[in-house]
Amino acid sequence: MRYLEDLTVGMTFEHGSRTLTRDEIIEFARTFDPQPFHLDEAAAARSIFGRLVASGWHTAALCQRLLVEAWVGSVATLGSPGVDELRWLRPVHPGDALTLHGELLAVTPSRSKPDRGSVRARYQLRNQAGAVVLSMIGIGLVARRPGPVAGPAAGPAPAPGLPGQ
């Protein structure tokens, strides 16, 4: 288990990949984002996309799934208060294989709750060509190592990489 003290700015990881199918794209859209270019190939052909495209919310949900797979069980996560700068940069089509890439931008012990801290990380989903299709800054709460509270989490000692590094 990795705690806040084990995480350092600049750590990176890669996780995935997951290929979206036509049926998954349509099923998600039926339930959560029923716009024609997500549901119907003929309507999508007439859209600015030119063919069926996944909902941005579908790609965000996939990003979350890959993030949970990469972190839960290996990092003492306590949840998240949200994300910043969510951007859908390129359309995702059936058959696209998406991989999660992450980089820790900040590791900050809490001033008011000594048992935890927060991390800010840039997450990107990249397709099989390496193009970024989704980018966001995630904020996560992470437990500090149980026992006496030590100094700042971002100290000079090197820490092991995250899963997949």
C-alpha atoms as a PDB file:
ATOM      1  CA  MET A   1       0.000   0.000   0.000  1.00  0.00           C
ATOM      2  CA  ARG A   2       1.304   3.455  -0.903  1.00  0.00           C
ATOM      3  CA  TYR A   3       0.546   6.413   1.324  1.00  0.00           C
ATOM      4  CA  LEU A   4       0.942  10.133   0.801  1.00  0.00           C
ATOM      5  CA  GLU A   5       4.571   9.952   1.981  1.00  0.00           C
ATOM      6  CA  ASP A   6       5.341   7.492  -0.842  1.00  0.00           C
ATOM      7  CA  LEU A   7       4.129   9.817  -3.602  1.00  0.00           C
ATOM      8  CA  THR A   8       6.285  12.517  -5.187  1.00  0.00           C
ATOM      9  CA  VAL A   9       5.756  15.202  -7.761  1.00  0.00           C
ATOM     10  CA  GLY A  10       6.726  13.960 -11.206  1.00  0.00           C
ATOM     11  CA  MET A  11       5.796  10.319 -10.686  1.00  0.00           C
ATOM     12  CA  THR A  12       4.143   8.881 -13.772  1.00  0.00           C
ATOM     13  CA  PHE A  13       2.169   5.794 -14.653  1.00  0.00           C
ATOM     14  CA  GLU A  14       0.401   4.175 -17.577  1.00  0.00           C
ATOM     15  CA  HIS A  15      -2.595   1.850 -17.320  1.00  0.00           C
ATOM     16  CA  GLY A  16      -4.969   0.163 -19.745  1.00  0.00           C
ATOM     17  CA  SER A  17      -5.690  -0.288 -22.583  1.00  0.00           C
ATOM     18  CA  ARG A  18      -9.399  -0.633 -23.283  1.00  0.00           C
ATOM     19  CA  THR A  19     -10.969  -0.804 -26.737  1.00  0.00           C
ATOM     20  CA  LEU A  20     -14.428   0.714 -27.148  1.00  0.00           C
ATOM     21  CA  THR A  21     -16.870  -1.176 -29.331  1.00  0.00           C
ATOM     22  CA  ARG A  22     -19.722   0.180 -31.417  1.00  0.00           C
ATOM     23  CA  ASP A  23     -22.246  -1.528 -29.141  1.00  0.00           C
ATOM     24  CA  GLU A  24     -20.692  -0.058 -25.963  1.00  0.00           C
ATOM     25  CA  ILE A  25     -20.754   3.430 -27.450  1.00  0.00           C
ATOM     26  CA  ILE A  26     -24.412   3.130 -28.441  1.00  0.00           C
ATOM     27  CA  GLU A  27     -25.465   1.538 -25.135  1.00  0.00           C
ATOM     28  CA  PHE A  28     -23.785   4.269 -23.069  1.00  0.00           C
ATOM     29  CA  ALA A  29     -25.354   6.944 -25.263  1.00  0.00           C
ATOM     30  CA  ARG A  30     -28.848   5.410 -24.953  1.00  0.00           C
ATOM     31  CA  THR A  31     -28.574   5.570 -21.186  1.00  0.00           C
ATOM     32  CA  PHE A  32     -26.656   8.792 -20.561  1.00  0.00           C
ATOM     33  CA  ASP A  33     -26.125  10.970 -23.657  1.00  0.00           C
ATOM     34  CA  PRO A  34     -28.700  10.248 -26.389  1.00  0.00           C
ATOM     35  CA  GLN A  35     -27.401  12.605 -29.059  1.00  0.00           C
ATOM     36  CA  PRO A  36     -27.783  11.317 -32.653  1.00  0.00           C
ATOM     37  CA  PHE A  37     -24.044  11.159 -33.432  1.00  0.00           C
ATOM     38  CA  HIS A  38     -23.586   8.784 -30.465  1.00  0.00           C
ATOM     39  CA  LEU A  39     -26.559   6.570 -31.325  1.00  0.00           C
ATOM     40  CA  ASP A  40     -26.993   6.276 -35.075  1.00  0.00           C
ATOM     41  CA  GLU A  41     -24.326   5.704 -37.727  1.00  0.00           C
ATOM     42  CA  ALA A  42     -26.347   7.455 -40.468  1.00  0.00           C
ATOM     43  CA  ALA A  43     -26.931  10.522 -38.286  1.00  0.00           C
ATOM     44  CA  ALA A  44     -23.276  10.472 -37.226  1.00  0.00           C
ATOM     45  CA  ALA A  45     -22.214  10.428 -40.898  1.00  0.00           C
ATOM     46  CA  ARG A  46     -24.087  13.711 -41.379  1.00  0.00           C
ATOM     47  CA  SER A  47     -22.566  15.297 -38.267  1.00  0.00           C
ATOM     48  CA  ILE A  48     -19.323  17.224 -37.891  1.00  0.00           C
ATOM     49  CA  PHE A  49     -17.723  13.914 -36.800  1.00  0.00           C
ATOM     50  CA  GLY A  50     -18.497  12.050 -40.033  1.00  0.00           C
ATOM     51  CA  ARG A  51     -19.018   8.764 -38.202  1.00  0.00           C
ATOM     52  CA  LEU A  52     -20.154   7.297 -34.887  1.00  0.00           C
ATOM     53  CA  VAL A  53     -18.398   8.891 -31.929  1.00  0.00           C
ATOM     54  CA  ALA A  54     -18.369   8.058 -28.217  1.00  0.00           C
ATOM     55  CA  SER A  55     -19.861  10.503 -25.737  1.00  0.00           C
ATOM     56  CA  GLY A  56     -17.274  12.593 -23.930  1.00  0.00           C
ATOM     57  CA  TRP A  57     -18.914  11.412 -20.721  1.00  0.00           C
ATOM     58  CA  HIS A  58     -18.272   7.832 -21.840  1.00  0.00           C
ATOM     59  CA  THR A  59     -14.566   8.569 -22.241  1.00  0.00           C
ATOM     60  CA  ALA A  60     -14.538  10.327 -18.845  1.00  0.00           C
ATOM     61  CA  ALA A  61     -16.181   7.263 -17.265  1.00  0.00           C
ATOM     62  CA  LEU A  62     -13.604   5.014 -18.921  1.00  0.00           C
ATOM     63  CA  CYS A  63     -10.836   7.268 -17.599  1.00  0.00           C
ATOM     64  CA  GLN A  64     -12.282   6.844 -14.101  1.00  0.00           C
ATOM     65  CA  ARG A  65     -12.463   3.059 -14.524  1.00  0.00           C
ATOM     66  CA  LEU A  66      -8.824   2.834 -15.588  1.00  0.00           C
ATOM     67  CA  LEU A  67      -7.830   5.172 -12.755  1.00  0.00           C
ATOM     68  CA  VAL A  68      -9.586   2.986 -10.190  1.00  0.00           C
ATOM     69  CA  GLU A  69      -7.876  -0.100 -11.613  1.00  0.00           C
ATOM     70  CA  ALA A  70      -4.493   1.648 -11.438  1.00  0.00           C
ATOM     71  CA  TRP A  71      -4.862   3.130  -7.913  1.00  0.00           C
ATOM     72  CA  VAL A  72      -7.345   1.206  -5.784  1.00  0.00           C
ATOM     73  CA  GLY A  73      -5.555  -1.558  -3.941  1.00  0.00           C
ATOM     74  CA  SER A  74      -2.150   0.085  -4.294  1.00  0.00           C
ATOM     75  CA  VAL A  75      -2.700   3.633  -2.967  1.00  0.00           C
ATOM     76  CA  ALA A  76      -4.532   4.590   0.242  1.00  0.00           C
ATOM     77  CA  THR A  77      -7.139   6.690  -1.559  1.00  0.00           C
ATOM     78  CA  LEU A  78      -9.899   8.462   0.354  1.00  0.00           C
ATOM     79  CA  GLY A  79     -11.912   9.739  -2.614  1.00  0.00           C
ATOM     80  CA  SER A  80     -11.835  12.945  -4.597  1.00  0.00           C
ATOM     81  CA  PRO A  81     -13.367  16.406  -4.283  1.00  0.00           C
ATOM     82  CA  GLY A  82     -13.399  16.782  -8.080  1.00  0.00           C
ATOM     83  CA  VAL A  83     -11.522  17.473 -11.279  1.00  0.00           C
ATOM     84  CA  ASP A  84     -10.332  20.593 -13.055  1.00  0.00           C
ATOM     85  CA  GLU A  85      -9.742  21.346 -16.713  1.00  0.00           C
ATOM     86  CA  LEU A  86     -11.683  18.402 -18.180  1.00  0.00           C
ATOM     87  CA  ARG A  87     -11.214  18.559 -21.954  1.00  0.00           C
ATOM     88  CA  TRP A  88     -12.314  16.297 -24.784  1.00  0.00           C
ATOM     89  CA  LEU A  89      -9.617  16.921 -27.372  1.00  0.00           C
ATOM     90  CA  ARG A  90     -10.383  14.378 -30.106  1.00  0.00           C
ATOM     91  CA  PRO A  91     -13.347  12.187 -30.927  1.00  0.00           C
ATOM     92  CA  VAL A  92     -13.297   8.527 -29.892  1.00  0.00           C
ATOM     93  CA  HIS A  93     -14.605   6.037 -32.445  1.00  0.00           C
ATOM     94  CA  PRO A  94     -15.501   2.337 -32.292  1.00  0.00           C
ATOM     95  CA  GLY A  95     -12.301   0.303 -32.239  1.00  0.00           C
ATOM     96  CA  ASP A  96     -10.200   2.988 -30.565  1.00  0.00           C
ATOM     97  CA  ALA A  97      -7.969   1.533 -27.860  1.00  0.00           C
ATOM     98  CA  LEU A  98      -7.553   3.982 -24.956  1.00  0.00           C
ATOM     99  CA  THR A  99      -4.738   3.993 -22.414  1.00  0.00           C
ATOM    100  CA  LEU A 100      -4.545   6.086 -19.233  1.00  0.00           C
ATOM    101  CA  HIS A 101      -1.413   8.129 -18.574  1.00  0.00           C
ATOM    102  CA  GLY A 102      -0.916   9.971 -15.285  1.00  0.00           C
ATOM    103  CA  GLU A 103       1.588  12.351 -13.766  1.00  0.00           C
ATOM    104  CA  LEU A 104       1.586  13.705 -10.210  1.00  0.00           C
ATOM    105  CA  LEU A 105       1.706  17.506 -10.220  1.00  0.00           C
ATOM    106  CA  ALA A 106       1.426  18.240  -6.479  1.00  0.00           C
ATOM    107  CA  VAL A 107       1.533  16.275  -3.221  1.00  0.00           C
ATOM    108  CA  THR A 108       0.310  18.325  -0.255  1.00  0.00           C
ATOM    109  CA  PRO A 109      -0.181  17.236   3.368  1.00  0.00           C
ATOM    110  CA  SER A 110      -3.374  18.629   4.918  1.00  0.00           C
ATOM    111  CA  ARG A 111      -2.871  21.462   7.391  1.00  0.00           C
ATOM    112  CA  SER A 112      -6.083  20.703   9.284  1.00  0.00           C
ATOM    113  CA  LYS A 113      -6.265  16.890   9.074  1.00  0.00           C
ATOM    114  CA  PRO A 114      -2.894  15.283   9.845  1.00  0.00           C
ATOM    115  CA  ASP A 115      -4.052  11.823   8.763  1.00  0.00           C
ATOM    116  CA  ARG A 116      -4.296  12.793   5.066  1.00  0.00           C
ATOM    117  CA  GLY A 117      -3.279  15.023   2.227  1.00  0.00           C
ATOM    118  CA  SER A 118      -4.107  15.693  -1.378  1.00  0.00           C
ATOM    119  CA  VAL A 119      -2.560  15.024  -4.737  1.00  0.00           C
ATOM    120  CA  ARG A 120      -3.137  16.797  -8.036  1.00  0.00           C
ATOM    121  CA  ALA A 121      -2.482  14.732 -11.128  1.00  0.00           C
ATOM    122  CA  ARG A 122      -2.768  15.265 -14.858  1.00  0.00           C
ATOM    123  CA  TYR A 123      -4.602  12.368 -16.463  1.00  0.00           C
ATOM    124  CA  GLN A 124      -4.726  11.763 -20.178  1.00  0.00           C
ATOM    125  CA  LEU A 125      -6.478   9.132 -22.232  1.00  0.00           C
ATOM    126  CA  ARG A 126      -4.539   8.410 -25.390  1.00  0.00           C
ATOM    127  CA  ASN A 127      -5.720   6.423 -28.384  1.00  0.00           C
ATOM    128  CA  GLN A 128      -3.780   3.701 -30.186  1.00  0.00           C
ATOM    129  CA  ALA A 129      -1.926   6.356 -32.240  1.00  0.00           C
ATOM    130  CA  GLY A 130      -0.797   8.120 -29.044  1.00  0.00           C
ATOM    131  CA  ALA A 131      -3.102  11.115 -29.596  1.00  0.00           C
ATOM    132  CA  VAL A 132      -4.623  12.614 -26.443  1.00  0.00           C
ATOM    133  CA  VAL A 133      -8.418  12.286 -26.568  1.00  0.00           C
ATOM    134  CA  LEU A 134      -9.183  13.395 -22.989  1.00  0.00           C
ATOM    135  CA  SER A 135      -7.210  15.463 -20.502  1.00  0.00           C
ATOM    136  CA  MET A 136      -8.044  16.501 -16.955  1.00  0.00           C
ATOM    137  CA  ILE A 137      -6.484  17.461 -13.642  1.00  0.00           C
ATOM    138  CA  GLY A 138      -7.703  15.178 -10.874  1.00  0.00           C
ATOM    139  CA  ILE A 139      -7.613  15.983  -7.186  1.00  0.00           C
ATOM    140  CA  GLY A 140      -7.350  13.017  -4.870  1.00  0.00           C
ATOM    141  CA  LEU A 141      -7.336  12.607  -1.125  1.00  0.00           C
ATOM    142  CA  VAL A 142      -4.746  10.130   0.144  1.00  0.00           C
ATOM    143  CA  ALA A 143      -4.184   8.790   3.664  1.00  0.00           C
ATOM    144  CA  ARG A 144      -0.886   9.388   5.401  1.00  0.00           C
ATOM    145  CA  ARG A 145       1.008   6.416   6.748  1.00  0.00           C
ATOM    146  CA  PRO A 146      -0.513   5.250  10.054  1.00  0.00           C
ATOM    147  CA  GLY A 147       1.505   6.077  13.144  1.00  0.00           C
ATOM    148  CA  PRO A 148       3.326   9.235  14.185  1.00  0.00           C
ATOM    149  CA  VAL A 149       2.921  12.019  11.635  1.00  0.00           C
ATOM    150  CA  ALA A 150       6.182  12.591   9.781  1.00  0.00           C
ATOM    151  CA  GLY A 151       7.436  15.653   7.893  1.00  0.00           C
ATOM    152  CA  PRO A 152       6.196  16.831   4.492  1.00  0.00           C
ATOM    153  CA  ALA A 153       5.140  14.145   2.026  1.00  0.00           C
ATOM    154  CA  ALA A 154       7.216  15.568  -0.822  1.00  0.00           C
ATOM    155  CA  GLY A 155      10.569  15.094   0.929  1.00  0.00           C
ATOM    156  CA  PRO A 156      13.862  14.380  -0.859  1.00  0.00           C
ATOM    157  CA  ALA A 157      13.854  10.583  -0.442  1.00  0.00           C
ATOM    158  CA  PRO A 158      13.080   8.749  -3.687  1.00  0.00           C
ATOM    159  CA  ALA A 159       9.875   6.724  -3.708  1.00  0.00           C
ATOM    160  CA  PRO A 160       8.948   3.699  -5.813  1.00  0.00           C
ATOM    161  CA  GLY A 161       6.963   4.317  -9.000  1.00  0.00           C
ATOM    162  CA  LEU A 162       3.238   3.967  -9.324  1.00  0.00           C
ATOM    163  CA  PRO A 163       1.632   0.877 -10.862  1.00  0.00           C
ATOM    164  CA  GLY A 164       2.848   0.317 -14.391  1.00  0.00           C
ATOM    165  CA  GLN A 165       5.958   2.480 -14.034  1.00  0.00           C
END
